[in-house]
């Protein structure tokens, strides 16, 4: 399994993006997200229309369209880390029919920690750099003073996002546990500690392949 096929799941704020970068750098695989796949293939013809038709109207792209786009991206990849798909059981069942995964990793983070991570995020409107009020504030006082909170990082929005995750995505945990693919990683740890455990899990899966 020199080019592993990895699915990374977990709630918003779990650190999937950070850990995906480590996986890409270490194993040389593609990082595939739903958003990137849709933007790269927005004019791809599917049975249900082009992604562009839904995206330009601000509508949710239907599952069948997302399924075709993501699977097309997977077929072109020599190993991958999949992040942000599948989001529900319908997508998971489709993915299960289309490709074999080597390992599914759940970044398991407590709800209170997720709220702290997400509501504490701040962005510098001039540079686009991201910071955090508890974990990563800039030294420059002028930069600190102009930091802003994104609309989707307020507590009400964060709570709603976590509720949607629980309803739609957590059933995937049981789905992949039943298939013997799921490994749980303690996502409350530091990013370096999470990466240490994640890399060991991937190496174990390689040894068992």
C-alpha atoms as a PDB file:
ATOM      1  CA  UNK A   1       0.000   0.000   0.000  1.00  0.00           C
ATOM      2  CA  UNK A   2       2.692   2.470  -1.048  1.00  0.00           C
ATOM      3  CA  UNK A   3      -0.027   4.822  -2.303  1.00  0.00           C
ATOM      4  CA  UNK A   4      -2.711   4.453   0.353  1.00  0.00           C
ATOM      5  CA  UNK A   5      -6.391   5.209  -0.145  1.00  0.00           C
ATOM      6  CA  UNK A   6      -7.424   6.991   3.017  1.00  0.00           C
ATOM      7  CA  UNK A   7     -10.737   8.423   4.152  1.00  0.00           C
ATOM      8  CA  UNK A   8     -10.497  11.040   6.883  1.00  0.00           C
ATOM      9  CA  UNK A   9     -13.709  11.789   8.776  1.00  0.00           C
ATOM     10  CA  UNK A  10     -14.536  13.978  11.736  1.00  0.00           C
ATOM     11  CA  UNK A  11     -16.572  17.030  12.717  1.00  0.00           C
ATOM     12  CA  UNK A  12     -15.832  20.623  11.696  1.00  0.00           C
ATOM     13  CA  UNK A  13     -12.770  21.796  13.605  1.00  0.00           C
ATOM     14  CA  UNK A  14     -11.323  18.306  14.043  1.00  0.00           C
ATOM     15  CA  UNK A  15      -8.196  19.161  12.026  1.00  0.00           C
ATOM     16  CA  UNK A  16      -8.859  17.166   8.857  1.00  0.00           C
ATOM     17  CA  UNK A  17      -7.256  19.803   6.643  1.00  0.00           C
ATOM     18  CA  UNK A  18      -4.082  19.963   8.729  1.00  0.00           C
ATOM     19  CA  UNK A  19      -3.682  16.195   8.836  1.00  0.00           C
ATOM     20  CA  UNK A  20      -4.494  15.818   5.141  1.00  0.00           C
ATOM     21  CA  UNK A  21      -1.515  18.070   4.336  1.00  0.00           C
ATOM     22  CA  UNK A  22       0.760  15.783   6.364  1.00  0.00           C
ATOM     23  CA  UNK A  23      -0.566  12.736   4.500  1.00  0.00           C
ATOM     24  CA  UNK A  24      -0.036  14.359   1.095  1.00  0.00           C
ATOM     25  CA  UNK A  25       3.522  15.431   1.959  1.00  0.00           C
ATOM     26  CA  UNK A  26       4.464  12.036   3.423  1.00  0.00           C
ATOM     27  CA  UNK A  27       2.830   9.634   0.977  1.00  0.00           C
ATOM     28  CA  UNK A  28       2.624  11.704  -2.200  1.00  0.00           C
ATOM     29  CA  UNK A  29      -1.093  11.071  -2.673  1.00  0.00           C
ATOM     30  CA  UNK A  30      -3.851  13.400  -3.869  1.00  0.00           C
ATOM     31  CA  UNK A  31      -5.906  15.446  -1.398  1.00  0.00           C
ATOM     32  CA  UNK A  32      -9.486  15.223  -2.637  1.00  0.00           C
ATOM     33  CA  UNK A  33     -12.250  17.358  -1.152  1.00  0.00           C
ATOM     34  CA  UNK A  34     -15.823  17.714  -2.367  1.00  0.00           C
ATOM     35  CA  UNK A  35     -15.443  21.449  -2.941  1.00  0.00           C
ATOM     36  CA  UNK A  36     -12.213  21.138  -4.926  1.00  0.00           C
ATOM     37  CA  UNK A  37     -13.594  18.279  -7.015  1.00  0.00           C
ATOM     38  CA  UNK A  38     -16.742  20.230  -7.858  1.00  0.00           C
ATOM     39  CA  UNK A  39     -14.849  23.405  -8.753  1.00  0.00           C
ATOM     40  CA  UNK A  40     -12.404  21.481 -10.954  1.00  0.00           C
ATOM     41  CA  UNK A  41     -15.215  19.659 -12.771  1.00  0.00           C
ATOM     42  CA  UNK A  42     -18.065  22.146 -12.665  1.00  0.00           C
ATOM     43  CA  UNK A  43     -18.780  21.658 -16.380  1.00  0.00           C
ATOM     44  CA  UNK A  44     -18.674  17.871 -16.282  1.00  0.00           C
ATOM     45  CA  UNK A  45     -21.793  16.345 -17.813  1.00  0.00           C
ATOM     46  CA  UNK A  46     -23.684  14.002 -15.473  1.00  0.00           C
ATOM     47  CA  UNK A  47     -27.035  12.304 -15.796  1.00  0.00           C
ATOM     48  CA  UNK A  48     -28.481  14.999 -13.537  1.00  0.00           C
ATOM     49  CA  UNK A  49     -26.808  18.056 -15.093  1.00  0.00           C
ATOM     50  CA  UNK A  50     -23.591  20.013 -14.614  1.00  0.00           C
ATOM     51  CA  UNK A  51     -22.418  21.039 -11.128  1.00  0.00           C
ATOM     52  CA  UNK A  52     -22.162  24.634 -12.423  1.00  0.00           C
ATOM     53  CA  UNK A  53     -25.960  24.754 -12.879  1.00  0.00           C
ATOM     54  CA  UNK A  54     -26.514  24.221  -9.155  1.00  0.00           C
ATOM     55  CA  UNK A  55     -23.498  26.163  -7.886  1.00  0.00           C
ATOM     56  CA  UNK A  56     -24.376  29.364  -9.760  1.00  0.00           C
ATOM     57  CA  UNK A  57     -27.884  29.296  -8.287  1.00  0.00           C
ATOM     58  CA  UNK A  58     -26.463  28.817  -4.801  1.00  0.00           C
ATOM     59  CA  UNK A  59     -28.228  25.472  -4.562  1.00  0.00           C
ATOM     60  CA  UNK A  60     -26.943  22.327  -2.884  1.00  0.00           C
ATOM     61  CA  UNK A  61     -25.424  20.052  -5.518  1.00  0.00           C
ATOM     62  CA  UNK A  62     -27.466  16.799  -5.467  1.00  0.00           C
ATOM     63  CA  UNK A  63     -25.835  13.633  -4.155  1.00  0.00           C
ATOM     64  CA  UNK A  64     -25.833  11.829  -7.536  1.00  0.00           C
ATOM     65  CA  UNK A  65     -23.877  14.699  -9.116  1.00  0.00           C
ATOM     66  CA  UNK A  66     -21.422  14.912  -6.209  1.00  0.00           C
ATOM     67  CA  UNK A  67     -20.967  11.141  -6.341  1.00  0.00           C
ATOM     68  CA  UNK A  68     -19.996  11.132 -10.012  1.00  0.00           C
ATOM     69  CA  UNK A  69     -17.616  14.074  -9.643  1.00  0.00           C
ATOM     70  CA  UNK A  70     -15.785  12.689  -6.606  1.00  0.00           C
ATOM     71  CA  UNK A  71     -15.463   9.175  -7.998  1.00  0.00           C
ATOM     72  CA  UNK A  72     -14.055  10.598 -11.252  1.00  0.00           C
ATOM     73  CA  UNK A  73     -11.414  12.428  -9.186  1.00  0.00           C
ATOM     74  CA  UNK A  74     -10.575   9.222  -7.301  1.00  0.00           C
ATOM     75  CA  UNK A  75     -10.123   7.271 -10.527  1.00  0.00           C
ATOM     76  CA  UNK A  76      -7.502   9.770 -11.701  1.00  0.00           C
ATOM     77  CA  UNK A  77      -5.543   9.607  -8.421  1.00  0.00           C
ATOM     78  CA  UNK A  78      -2.683   7.249  -7.601  1.00  0.00           C
ATOM     79  CA  UNK A  79      -3.587   7.037  -3.929  1.00  0.00           C
ATOM     80  CA  UNK A  80      -5.580   9.681  -2.102  1.00  0.00           C
ATOM     81  CA  UNK A  81      -6.768  11.170   1.149  1.00  0.00           C
ATOM     82  CA  UNK A  82     -10.484  11.883   0.907  1.00  0.00           C
ATOM     83  CA  UNK A  83     -11.706  14.718   3.116  1.00  0.00           C
ATOM     84  CA  UNK A  84     -15.303  15.966   3.375  1.00  0.00           C
ATOM     85  CA  UNK A  85     -16.910  13.095   1.449  1.00  0.00           C
ATOM     86  CA  UNK A  86     -18.967  11.051   2.077  1.00  0.00           C
ATOM     87  CA  UNK A  87     -21.227  13.254   4.206  1.00  0.00           C
ATOM     88  CA  UNK A  88     -24.154  10.850   4.549  1.00  0.00           C
ATOM     89  CA  UNK A  89     -25.067   7.192   4.201  1.00  0.00           C
ATOM     90  CA  UNK A  90     -26.251   7.536   0.609  1.00  0.00           C
ATOM     91  CA  UNK A  91     -22.844   8.844  -0.440  1.00  0.00           C
ATOM     92  CA  UNK A  92     -21.031   6.248   1.684  1.00  0.00           C
ATOM     93  CA  UNK A  93     -22.916   3.366   0.088  1.00  0.00           C
ATOM     94  CA  UNK A  94     -22.167   4.712  -3.387  1.00  0.00           C
ATOM     95  CA  UNK A  95     -18.481   5.128  -2.556  1.00  0.00           C
ATOM     96  CA  UNK A  96     -18.385   1.584  -1.169  1.00  0.00           C
ATOM     97  CA  UNK A  97     -19.582   0.261  -4.534  1.00  0.00           C
ATOM     98  CA  UNK A  98     -17.069   2.290  -6.538  1.00  0.00           C
ATOM     99  CA  UNK A  99     -13.723   1.997  -4.748  1.00  0.00           C
ATOM    100  CA  UNK A 100     -11.860   0.110  -2.028  1.00  0.00           C
ATOM    101  CA  UNK A 101     -10.514   2.069   0.933  1.00  0.00           C
ATOM    102  CA  UNK A 102      -7.422   0.961   2.827  1.00  0.00           C
ATOM    103  CA  UNK A 103      -8.242   2.773   6.058  1.00  0.00           C
ATOM    104  CA  UNK A 104     -10.898   5.111   7.454  1.00  0.00           C
ATOM    105  CA  UNK A 105      -9.652   7.420  10.208  1.00  0.00           C
ATOM    106  CA  UNK A 106     -11.993   9.193  12.612  1.00  0.00           C
ATOM    107  CA  UNK A 107     -10.534  12.288  14.267  1.00  0.00           C
ATOM    108  CA  UNK A 108     -12.494  12.128  17.495  1.00  0.00           C
ATOM    109  CA  UNK A 109     -12.819  15.503  19.257  1.00  0.00           C
ATOM    110  CA  UNK A 110     -15.073  16.482  22.173  1.00  0.00           C
ATOM    111  CA  UNK A 111     -17.882  18.935  21.436  1.00  0.00           C
ATOM    112  CA  UNK A 112     -16.683  21.586  23.925  1.00  0.00           C
ATOM    113  CA  UNK A 113     -13.225  21.565  22.348  1.00  0.00           C
ATOM    114  CA  UNK A 114     -14.743  21.883  18.869  1.00  0.00           C
ATOM    115  CA  UNK A 115     -16.790  24.922  19.917  1.00  0.00           C
ATOM    116  CA  UNK A 116     -13.666  26.510  21.433  1.00  0.00           C
ATOM    117  CA  UNK A 117     -11.635  25.877  18.285  1.00  0.00           C
ATOM    118  CA  UNK A 118     -14.263  27.138  15.863  1.00  0.00           C
ATOM    119  CA  UNK A 119     -15.580  30.177  17.733  1.00  0.00           C
ATOM    120  CA  UNK A 120     -12.046  31.298  18.577  1.00  0.00           C
ATOM    121  CA  UNK A 121     -10.906  31.527  14.982  1.00  0.00           C
ATOM    122  CA  UNK A 122     -10.103  35.007  13.642  1.00  0.00           C
ATOM    123  CA  UNK A 123      -9.001  36.233  10.216  1.00  0.00           C
ATOM    124  CA  UNK A 124      -6.900  39.207   9.186  1.00  0.00           C
ATOM    125  CA  UNK A 125      -9.024  40.959   6.509  1.00  0.00           C
ATOM    126  CA  UNK A 126      -5.920  42.484   4.931  1.00  0.00           C
ATOM    127  CA  UNK A 127      -3.845  39.330   4.481  1.00  0.00           C
ATOM    128  CA  UNK A 128      -6.334  36.488   4.839  1.00  0.00           C
ATOM    129  CA  UNK A 129      -4.145  34.894   7.536  1.00  0.00           C
ATOM    130  CA  UNK A 130      -5.989  32.860  10.151  1.00  0.00           C
ATOM    131  CA  UNK A 131      -5.397  33.065  13.906  1.00  0.00           C
ATOM    132  CA  UNK A 132      -6.999  31.861  17.134  1.00  0.00           C
ATOM    133  CA  UNK A 133      -7.766  33.871  20.249  1.00  0.00           C
ATOM    134  CA  UNK A 134      -6.419  31.141  22.555  1.00  0.00           C
ATOM    135  CA  UNK A 135      -3.880  29.205  20.552  1.00  0.00           C
ATOM    136  CA  UNK A 136      -2.339  31.470  17.927  1.00  0.00           C
ATOM    137  CA  UNK A 137      -2.533  35.269  18.184  1.00  0.00           C
ATOM    138  CA  UNK A 138      -0.175  37.564  16.218  1.00  0.00           C
ATOM    139  CA  UNK A 139       2.504  39.513  18.070  1.00  0.00           C
ATOM    140  CA  UNK A 140       1.721  42.713  16.172  1.00  0.00           C
ATOM    141  CA  UNK A 141      -0.867  44.723  18.147  1.00  0.00           C
ATOM    142  CA  UNK A 142      -2.115  46.448  14.983  1.00  0.00           C
ATOM    143  CA  UNK A 143      -2.840  43.052  13.416  1.00  0.00           C
ATOM    144  CA  UNK A 144      -4.581  41.836  16.573  1.00  0.00           C
ATOM    145  CA  UNK A 145      -6.821  44.907  16.587  1.00  0.00           C
ATOM    146  CA  UNK A 146      -8.095  44.354  13.045  1.00  0.00           C
ATOM    147  CA  UNK A 147      -8.827  40.632  13.319  1.00  0.00           C
ATOM    148  CA  UNK A 148     -12.384  39.618  12.529  1.00  0.00           C
ATOM    149  CA  UNK A 149     -14.596  36.632  13.267  1.00  0.00           C
ATOM    150  CA  UNK A 150     -16.156  34.963  10.249  1.00  0.00           C
ATOM    151  CA  UNK A 151     -19.945  34.814  10.180  1.00  0.00           C
ATOM    152  CA  UNK A 152     -19.855  31.011  10.161  1.00  0.00           C
ATOM    153  CA  UNK A 153     -17.673  30.918  13.302  1.00  0.00           C
ATOM    154  CA  UNK A 154     -20.248  32.423  15.687  1.00  0.00           C
ATOM    155  CA  UNK A 155     -21.473  30.107  18.432  1.00  0.00           C
ATOM    156  CA  UNK A 156     -25.001  29.726  17.021  1.00  0.00           C
ATOM    157  CA  UNK A 157     -23.720  28.794  13.566  1.00  0.00           C
ATOM    158  CA  UNK A 158     -21.064  26.473  14.991  1.00  0.00           C
ATOM    159  CA  UNK A 159     -23.654  24.673  17.119  1.00  0.00           C
ATOM    160  CA  UNK A 160     -25.891  24.195  14.080  1.00  0.00           C
ATOM    161  CA  UNK A 161     -22.978  22.856  12.020  1.00  0.00           C
ATOM    162  CA  UNK A 162     -22.099  20.329  14.709  1.00  0.00           C
ATOM    163  CA  UNK A 163     -25.730  19.228  14.970  1.00  0.00           C
ATOM    164  CA  UNK A 164     -25.879  18.687  11.203  1.00  0.00           C
ATOM    165  CA  UNK A 165     -22.652  16.687  11.402  1.00  0.00           C
ATOM    166  CA  UNK A 166     -24.025  14.500  14.187  1.00  0.00           C
ATOM    167  CA  UNK A 167     -27.220  13.789  12.285  1.00  0.00           C
ATOM    168  CA  UNK A 168     -25.733  13.093   8.876  1.00  0.00           C
ATOM    169  CA  UNK A 169     -22.163  11.934   9.344  1.00  0.00           C
ATOM    170  CA  UNK A 170     -21.898  10.032  12.618  1.00  0.00           C
ATOM    171  CA  UNK A 171     -23.826   7.031  11.201  1.00  0.00           C
ATOM    172  CA  UNK A 172     -20.816   6.581   8.902  1.00  0.00           C
ATOM    173  CA  UNK A 173     -18.764   5.589  11.940  1.00  0.00           C
ATOM    174  CA  UNK A 174     -20.843   2.461  12.487  1.00  0.00           C
ATOM    175  CA  UNK A 175     -20.905   1.799   8.732  1.00  0.00           C
ATOM    176  CA  UNK A 176     -17.100   1.673   8.532  1.00  0.00           C
ATOM    177  CA  UNK A 177     -16.680  -0.064  11.887  1.00  0.00           C
ATOM    178  CA  UNK A 178     -18.826  -2.910  10.568  1.00  0.00           C
ATOM    179  CA  UNK A 179     -16.428  -3.209   7.625  1.00  0.00           C
ATOM    180  CA  UNK A 180     -13.379  -3.343   9.884  1.00  0.00           C
ATOM    181  CA  UNK A 181     -11.912  -0.210   8.309  1.00  0.00           C
ATOM    182  CA  UNK A 182     -12.299   2.370  11.073  1.00  0.00           C
ATOM    183  CA  UNK A 183      -9.493   3.618  13.303  1.00  0.00           C
ATOM    184  CA  UNK A 184     -10.195   6.239  15.979  1.00  0.00           C
ATOM    185  CA  UNK A 185      -7.607   8.924  16.707  1.00  0.00           C
ATOM    186  CA  UNK A 186      -7.832  11.201  19.758  1.00  0.00           C
ATOM    187  CA  UNK A 187      -8.248  14.569  18.066  1.00  0.00           C
ATOM    188  CA  UNK A 188      -8.130  16.488  21.370  1.00  0.00           C
ATOM    189  CA  UNK A 189      -4.332  16.125  21.269  1.00  0.00           C
ATOM    190  CA  UNK A 190      -1.955  18.640  19.723  1.00  0.00           C
ATOM    191  CA  UNK A 191      -1.691  18.509  15.903  1.00  0.00           C
ATOM    192  CA  UNK A 192       1.761  16.901  16.171  1.00  0.00           C
ATOM    193  CA  UNK A 193       0.475  14.216  18.537  1.00  0.00           C
ATOM    194  CA  UNK A 194      -2.487  13.538  16.244  1.00  0.00           C
ATOM    195  CA  UNK A 195      -0.145  13.185  13.265  1.00  0.00           C
ATOM    196  CA  UNK A 196       2.070  10.760  15.200  1.00  0.00           C
ATOM    197  CA  UNK A 197      -0.913   8.500  15.943  1.00  0.00           C
ATOM    198  CA  UNK A 198      -2.336   8.900  12.449  1.00  0.00           C
ATOM    199  CA  UNK A 199       0.918   7.921  10.774  1.00  0.00           C
ATOM    200  CA  UNK A 200       1.193   4.834  12.961  1.00  0.00           C
ATOM    201  CA  UNK A 201      -2.368   3.862  12.005  1.00  0.00           C
ATOM    202  CA  UNK A 202      -1.590   4.233   8.299  1.00  0.00           C
ATOM    203  CA  UNK A 203       1.609   2.197   8.665  1.00  0.00           C
ATOM    204  CA  UNK A 204      -0.311  -0.534  10.504  1.00  0.00           C
ATOM    205  CA  UNK A 205      -2.827  -0.622   7.664  1.00  0.00           C
ATOM    206  CA  UNK A 206       0.050  -0.879   5.166  1.00  0.00           C
ATOM    207  CA  UNK A 207       1.551  -3.784   7.102  1.00  0.00           C
ATOM    208  CA  UNK A 208      -1.791  -5.608   7.110  1.00  0.00           C
ATOM    209  CA  UNK A 209      -2.418  -5.062   3.394  1.00  0.00           C
END
